[in-house]
Amino acid sequence: MRGMKVAILLVALLTPAAWADTSGRADKALADQGVEELREGITDKHPATYMVLAARLFQQGDRQEAVTWFYVGQIRYRAWLKANPDLDPSGDPALFASLMESVGRPLNEYIGGDVDEWVATIDEAIQWHRAHPDGFLGKDDHRSLYASLIAGLEDMRDEIAASKDEIRRQRRENGLENR
């Protein structure tokens, strides 16, 4: 949980005000927004918003939903980074790496406790992404990029499913919960 608090602080420090609110209302930093504020118009917001939403939901105990938003955020953030290879490495690329560690580690540790749920959650994130626009980057303008990212996530999902027994064994050996 401490890592997620650090991630939210990092987002607050590194997030330009323009990411916080694109609806024309007064700017409010991502770190200061509640779950409903984060969700509102999320398809038009910077991908860091998905990660902050995931962290908030996880802190509230909505772990399954948190992981789904985390994977949607990964899809969209990775697309943003690939579509913009010349970004300042100390900006979005650094923030993404930090969020993957501070938010992603506890969420992946949790979801790994039930491999079937993990696989289903990845599928749910992919379906959500496909069914919703990306007003921040634009899916139509980046079809091949998104297709490549989704294919990679589907490959990972298939590897996870095929390694179910091994994942459970490794978790048991490392003292992690299997549900």
C-alpha atoms as a PDB file:
ATOM      1  CA  MET A   1       0.000   0.000   0.000  1.00  0.00           C
ATOM      2  CA  ARG A   2       2.882   2.367   0.714  1.00  0.00           C
ATOM      3  CA  GLY A   3       4.030   1.946  -2.889  1.00  0.00           C
ATOM      4  CA  MET A   4       0.648   3.037  -4.201  1.00  0.00           C
ATOM      5  CA  LYS A   5       0.723   6.135  -2.037  1.00  0.00           C
ATOM      6  CA  VAL A   6       4.150   6.930  -3.447  1.00  0.00           C
ATOM      7  CA  ALA A   7       2.791   6.393  -6.980  1.00  0.00           C
ATOM      8  CA  ILE A   8      -0.073   8.784  -6.402  1.00  0.00           C
ATOM      9  CA  LEU A   9       2.368  11.343  -5.014  1.00  0.00           C
ATOM     10  CA  LEU A  10       4.574  10.894  -8.091  1.00  0.00           C
ATOM     11  CA  VAL A  11       1.594  11.415 -10.355  1.00  0.00           C
ATOM     12  CA  ALA A  12       0.700  14.568  -8.451  1.00  0.00           C
ATOM     13  CA  LEU A  13       4.221  15.905  -8.865  1.00  0.00           C
ATOM     14  CA  LEU A  14       4.773  14.884 -12.485  1.00  0.00           C
ATOM     15  CA  THR A  15       1.319  15.300 -13.968  1.00  0.00           C
ATOM     16  CA  PRO A  16       0.711  18.493 -15.926  1.00  0.00           C
ATOM     17  CA  ALA A  17      -2.530  20.239 -14.993  1.00  0.00           C
ATOM     18  CA  ALA A  18      -3.899  19.601 -18.503  1.00  0.00           C
ATOM     19  CA  TRP A  19      -4.087  15.885 -17.754  1.00  0.00           C
ATOM     20  CA  ALA A  20      -6.141  16.406 -14.658  1.00  0.00           C
ATOM     21  CA  ASP A  21      -9.336  17.629 -16.245  1.00  0.00           C
ATOM     22  CA  THR A  22     -10.189  18.034 -19.918  1.00  0.00           C
ATOM     23  CA  SER A  23     -13.841  18.954 -19.405  1.00  0.00           C
ATOM     24  CA  GLY A  24     -13.270  22.673 -18.950  1.00  0.00           C
ATOM     25  CA  ARG A  25     -13.836  22.657 -15.180  1.00  0.00           C
ATOM     26  CA  ALA A  26     -11.197  23.964 -12.830  1.00  0.00           C
ATOM     27  CA  ASP A  27      -8.058  21.825 -12.922  1.00  0.00           C
ATOM     28  CA  LYS A  28      -7.711  19.324 -10.121  1.00  0.00           C
ATOM     29  CA  ALA A  29      -4.612  17.144  -9.811  1.00  0.00           C
ATOM     30  CA  LEU A  30      -5.056  13.437 -10.408  1.00  0.00           C
ATOM     31  CA  ALA A  31      -3.863  12.710  -6.901  1.00  0.00           C
ATOM     32  CA  ASP A  32      -6.713  14.820  -5.493  1.00  0.00           C
ATOM     33  CA  GLN A  33      -9.506  13.172  -7.506  1.00  0.00           C
ATOM     34  CA  GLY A  34     -11.823  10.528  -6.136  1.00  0.00           C
ATOM     35  CA  VAL A  35     -12.824   7.358  -7.974  1.00  0.00           C
ATOM     36  CA  GLU A  36     -15.866   8.884  -9.655  1.00  0.00           C
ATOM     37  CA  GLU A  37     -13.928  11.961 -10.777  1.00  0.00           C
ATOM     38  CA  LEU A  38     -11.229   9.738 -12.247  1.00  0.00           C
ATOM     39  CA  ARG A  39     -13.793   7.582 -14.063  1.00  0.00           C
ATOM     40  CA  GLU A  40     -15.695  10.546 -15.498  1.00  0.00           C
ATOM     41  CA  GLY A  41     -14.607  10.985 -19.111  1.00  0.00           C
ATOM     42  CA  ILE A  42     -11.663   8.642 -18.626  1.00  0.00           C
ATOM     43  CA  THR A  43     -11.503   7.784 -22.323  1.00  0.00           C
ATOM     44  CA  ASP A  44     -10.323  11.348 -23.013  1.00  0.00           C
ATOM     45  CA  LYS A  45      -7.777  11.496 -20.203  1.00  0.00           C
ATOM     46  CA  HIS A  46      -4.066  10.780 -20.016  1.00  0.00           C
ATOM     47  CA  PRO A  47      -3.293   7.074 -19.456  1.00  0.00           C
ATOM     48  CA  ALA A  48      -1.849   7.812 -16.006  1.00  0.00           C
ATOM     49  CA  THR A  49      -5.462   8.366 -14.960  1.00  0.00           C
ATOM     50  CA  TYR A  50      -6.217   4.662 -15.428  1.00  0.00           C
ATOM     51  CA  MET A  51      -3.310   3.736 -13.174  1.00  0.00           C
ATOM     52  CA  VAL A  52      -4.340   6.193 -10.465  1.00  0.00           C
ATOM     53  CA  LEU A  53      -7.902   4.867 -10.677  1.00  0.00           C
ATOM     54  CA  ALA A  54      -6.568   1.318 -10.296  1.00  0.00           C
ATOM     55  CA  ALA A  55      -4.548   2.312  -7.238  1.00  0.00           C
ATOM     56  CA  ARG A  56      -7.541   4.053  -5.639  1.00  0.00           C
ATOM     57  CA  LEU A  57      -9.846   1.092  -6.261  1.00  0.00           C
ATOM     58  CA  PHE A  58      -7.283  -1.338  -4.865  1.00  0.00           C
ATOM     59  CA  GLN A  59      -6.898   0.794  -1.733  1.00  0.00           C
ATOM     60  CA  GLN A  60     -10.690   0.726  -1.306  1.00  0.00           C
ATOM     61  CA  GLY A  61     -10.754  -3.061  -1.563  1.00  0.00           C
ATOM     62  CA  ASP A  62     -12.186  -3.253  -5.104  1.00  0.00           C
ATOM     63  CA  ARG A  63      -9.267  -5.407  -6.149  1.00  0.00           C
ATOM     64  CA  GLN A  64     -10.730  -7.149  -9.184  1.00  0.00           C
ATOM     65  CA  GLU A  65     -11.930  -3.910 -10.755  1.00  0.00           C
ATOM     66  CA  ALA A  66      -8.591  -2.292  -9.908  1.00  0.00           C
ATOM     67  CA  VAL A  67      -6.690  -4.913 -11.875  1.00  0.00           C
ATOM     68  CA  THR A  68      -8.976  -4.496 -14.880  1.00  0.00           C
ATOM     69  CA  TRP A  69      -8.335  -0.734 -14.951  1.00  0.00           C
ATOM     70  CA  PHE A  70      -4.626  -1.358 -14.478  1.00  0.00           C
ATOM     71  CA  TYR A  71      -4.497  -3.531 -17.596  1.00  0.00           C
ATOM     72  CA  VAL A  72      -6.571  -1.052 -19.615  1.00  0.00           C
ATOM     73  CA  GLY A  73      -4.147   1.619 -18.443  1.00  0.00           C
ATOM     74  CA  GLN A  74      -1.202  -0.488 -19.525  1.00  0.00           C
ATOM     75  CA  ILE A  75      -2.640  -0.897 -23.017  1.00  0.00           C
ATOM     76  CA  ARG A  76      -3.253   2.814 -23.395  1.00  0.00           C
ATOM     77  CA  TYR A  77      -0.062   4.006 -21.721  1.00  0.00           C
ATOM     78  CA  ARG A  78       2.125   1.652 -23.769  1.00  0.00           C
ATOM     79  CA  ALA A  79       0.395   2.891 -26.923  1.00  0.00           C
ATOM     80  CA  TRP A  80       1.017   6.507 -25.913  1.00  0.00           C
ATOM     81  CA  LEU A  81       4.711   5.815 -25.322  1.00  0.00           C
ATOM     82  CA  LYS A  82       5.160   3.887 -28.579  1.00  0.00           C
ATOM     83  CA  ALA A  83       3.328   6.551 -30.572  1.00  0.00           C
ATOM     84  CA  ASN A  84       5.574   9.227 -29.042  1.00  0.00           C
ATOM     85  CA  PRO A  85       9.112   7.807 -28.992  1.00  0.00           C
ATOM     86  CA  ASP A  86      10.725  11.230 -28.565  1.00  0.00           C
ATOM     87  CA  LEU A  87       9.150  12.011 -25.188  1.00  0.00           C
ATOM     88  CA  ASP A  88      11.512  13.297 -22.522  1.00  0.00           C
ATOM     89  CA  PRO A  89      12.654  10.108 -20.723  1.00  0.00           C
ATOM     90  CA  SER A  90      12.242  11.817 -17.347  1.00  0.00           C
ATOM     91  CA  GLY A  91       8.558  12.514 -18.066  1.00  0.00           C
ATOM     92  CA  ASP A  92       6.016   9.947 -19.238  1.00  0.00           C
ATOM     93  CA  PRO A  93       8.460   7.048 -19.679  1.00  0.00           C
ATOM     94  CA  ALA A  94       9.731   7.484 -16.111  1.00  0.00           C
ATOM     95  CA  LEU A  95       6.228   7.926 -14.730  1.00  0.00           C
ATOM     96  CA  PHE A  96       5.046   4.779 -16.524  1.00  0.00           C
ATOM     97  CA  ALA A  97       7.963   2.750 -15.129  1.00  0.00           C
ATOM     98  CA  SER A  98       7.240   4.049 -11.641  1.00  0.00           C
ATOM     99  CA  LEU A  99       3.531   3.253 -11.899  1.00  0.00           C
ATOM    100  CA  MET A 100       4.266  -0.234 -13.214  1.00  0.00           C
ATOM    101  CA  GLU A 101       6.369  -0.898 -10.136  1.00  0.00           C
ATOM    102  CA  SER A 102       4.408   0.892  -7.433  1.00  0.00           C
ATOM    103  CA  VAL A 103       0.873   0.151  -8.659  1.00  0.00           C
ATOM    104  CA  GLY A 104       1.496  -2.872 -10.863  1.00  0.00           C
ATOM    105  CA  ARG A 105       3.482  -4.988  -8.440  1.00  0.00           C
ATOM    106  CA  PRO A 106       0.807  -5.253  -5.705  1.00  0.00           C
ATOM    107  CA  LEU A 107      -2.003  -5.662  -8.252  1.00  0.00           C
ATOM    108  CA  ASN A 108      -0.167  -8.405 -10.128  1.00  0.00           C
ATOM    109  CA  GLU A 109       0.769 -10.075  -6.853  1.00  0.00           C
ATOM    110  CA  TYR A 110      -2.913 -10.118  -5.928  1.00  0.00           C
ATOM    111  CA  ILE A 111      -4.312 -11.289  -9.280  1.00  0.00           C
ATOM    112  CA  GLY A 112      -1.643 -13.973  -9.632  1.00  0.00           C
ATOM    113  CA  GLY A 113      -3.289 -15.751  -6.698  1.00  0.00           C
ATOM    114  CA  ASP A 114      -6.053 -16.939  -9.022  1.00  0.00           C
ATOM    115  CA  VAL A 115      -4.769 -17.695 -12.507  1.00  0.00           C
ATOM    116  CA  ASP A 116      -8.235 -18.216 -13.991  1.00  0.00           C
ATOM    117  CA  GLU A 117      -9.306 -14.811 -12.660  1.00  0.00           C
ATOM    118  CA  TRP A 118      -6.084 -13.303 -14.018  1.00  0.00           C
ATOM    119  CA  VAL A 119      -6.785 -14.627 -17.511  1.00  0.00           C
ATOM    120  CA  ALA A 120     -10.408 -13.451 -17.357  1.00  0.00           C
ATOM    121  CA  THR A 121      -9.310 -10.002 -16.160  1.00  0.00           C
ATOM    122  CA  ILE A 122      -6.913  -9.583 -19.067  1.00  0.00           C
ATOM    123  CA  ASP A 123      -9.735 -10.551 -21.441  1.00  0.00           C
ATOM    124  CA  GLU A 124     -12.051  -8.055 -19.732  1.00  0.00           C
ATOM    125  CA  ALA A 125      -9.483  -5.259 -20.089  1.00  0.00           C
ATOM    126  CA  ILE A 126      -8.988  -6.028 -23.781  1.00  0.00           C
ATOM    127  CA  GLN A 127     -12.751  -6.078 -24.350  1.00  0.00           C
ATOM    128  CA  TRP A 128     -13.201  -2.776 -22.510  1.00  0.00           C
ATOM    129  CA  HIS A 129     -10.435  -1.177 -24.555  1.00  0.00           C
ATOM    130  CA  ARG A 130     -11.954  -2.407 -27.820  1.00  0.00           C
ATOM    131  CA  ALA A 131     -15.443  -1.180 -26.879  1.00  0.00           C
ATOM    132  CA  HIS A 132     -14.392   2.337 -25.836  1.00  0.00           C
ATOM    133  CA  PRO A 133     -12.737   5.191 -27.712  1.00  0.00           C
ATOM    134  CA  ASP A 134      -9.333   6.547 -26.871  1.00  0.00           C
ATOM    135  CA  GLY A 135      -9.838  10.282 -27.091  1.00  0.00           C
ATOM    136  CA  PHE A 136      -6.368  10.949 -25.735  1.00  0.00           C
ATOM    137  CA  LEU A 137      -4.332   9.137 -28.403  1.00  0.00           C
ATOM    138  CA  GLY A 138      -6.945   7.991 -30.922  1.00  0.00           C
ATOM    139  CA  LYS A 139      -7.448   4.341 -31.796  1.00  0.00           C
ATOM    140  CA  ASP A 140      -8.305   4.981 -35.443  1.00  0.00           C
ATOM    141  CA  ASP A 141      -4.997   6.732 -36.046  1.00  0.00           C
ATOM    142  CA  HIS A 142      -3.016   3.964 -34.331  1.00  0.00           C
ATOM    143  CA  ARG A 143      -4.739   0.721 -35.334  1.00  0.00           C
ATOM    144  CA  SER A 144      -1.597  -1.275 -36.069  1.00  0.00           C
ATOM    145  CA  LEU A 145       0.070  -0.061 -32.885  1.00  0.00           C
ATOM    146  CA  TYR A 146      -2.893  -1.123 -30.783  1.00  0.00           C
ATOM    147  CA  ALA A 147      -3.177  -4.438 -32.668  1.00  0.00           C
ATOM    148  CA  SER A 148       0.442  -5.191 -31.819  1.00  0.00           C
ATOM    149  CA  LEU A 149      -0.008  -4.308 -28.145  1.00  0.00           C
ATOM    150  CA  ILE A 150      -3.190  -6.377 -27.853  1.00  0.00           C
ATOM    151  CA  ALA A 151      -1.502  -9.341 -29.564  1.00  0.00           C
ATOM    152  CA  GLY A 152       1.350  -9.130 -27.042  1.00  0.00           C
ATOM    153  CA  LEU A 153      -1.086  -9.008 -24.126  1.00  0.00           C
ATOM    154  CA  GLU A 154      -3.016 -11.970 -25.546  1.00  0.00           C
ATOM    155  CA  ASP A 155       0.259 -13.910 -25.858  1.00  0.00           C
ATOM    156  CA  MET A 156       1.043 -13.123 -22.224  1.00  0.00           C
ATOM    157  CA  ARG A 157      -2.472 -14.205 -21.216  1.00  0.00           C
ATOM    158  CA  ASP A 158      -2.040 -17.503 -23.068  1.00  0.00           C
ATOM    159  CA  GLU A 159       1.345 -18.072 -21.391  1.00  0.00           C
ATOM    160  CA  ILE A 160      -0.210 -17.437 -17.992  1.00  0.00           C
ATOM    161  CA  ALA A 161      -3.043 -19.876 -18.701  1.00  0.00           C
ATOM    162  CA  ALA A 162      -0.617 -22.545 -19.919  1.00  0.00           C
ATOM    163  CA  SER A 163       1.579 -22.083 -16.826  1.00  0.00           C
ATOM    164  CA  LYS A 164      -1.179 -22.252 -14.231  1.00  0.00           C
ATOM    165  CA  ASP A 165       0.291 -25.138 -12.230  1.00  0.00           C
ATOM    166  CA  GLU A 166       3.798 -23.686 -12.348  1.00  0.00           C
ATOM    167  CA  ILE A 167       2.565 -20.258 -11.214  1.00  0.00           C
ATOM    168  CA  ARG A 168       0.698 -21.829  -8.299  1.00  0.00           C
ATOM    169  CA  ARG A 169       3.795 -23.854  -7.322  1.00  0.00           C
ATOM    170  CA  GLN A 170       6.101 -20.814  -7.470  1.00  0.00           C
ATOM    171  CA  ARG A 171       3.694 -18.718  -5.450  1.00  0.00           C
ATOM    172  CA  ARG A 172       3.417 -21.445  -2.810  1.00  0.00           C
ATOM    173  CA  GLU A 173       7.243 -21.652  -2.623  1.00  0.00           C
ATOM    174  CA  ASN A 174       7.477 -17.864  -2.253  1.00  0.00           C
ATOM    175  CA  GLY A 175       4.869 -17.756   0.513  1.00  0.00           C
ATOM    176  CA  LEU A 176       2.253 -16.036  -1.628  1.00  0.00           C
ATOM    177  CA  GLU A 177      -1.447 -16.805  -1.462  1.00  0.00           C
ATOM    178  CA  ASN A 178      -3.152 -19.040  -4.032  1.00  0.00           C
ATOM    179  CA  ARG A 179      -6.892 -18.527  -4.117  1.00  0.00           C
END
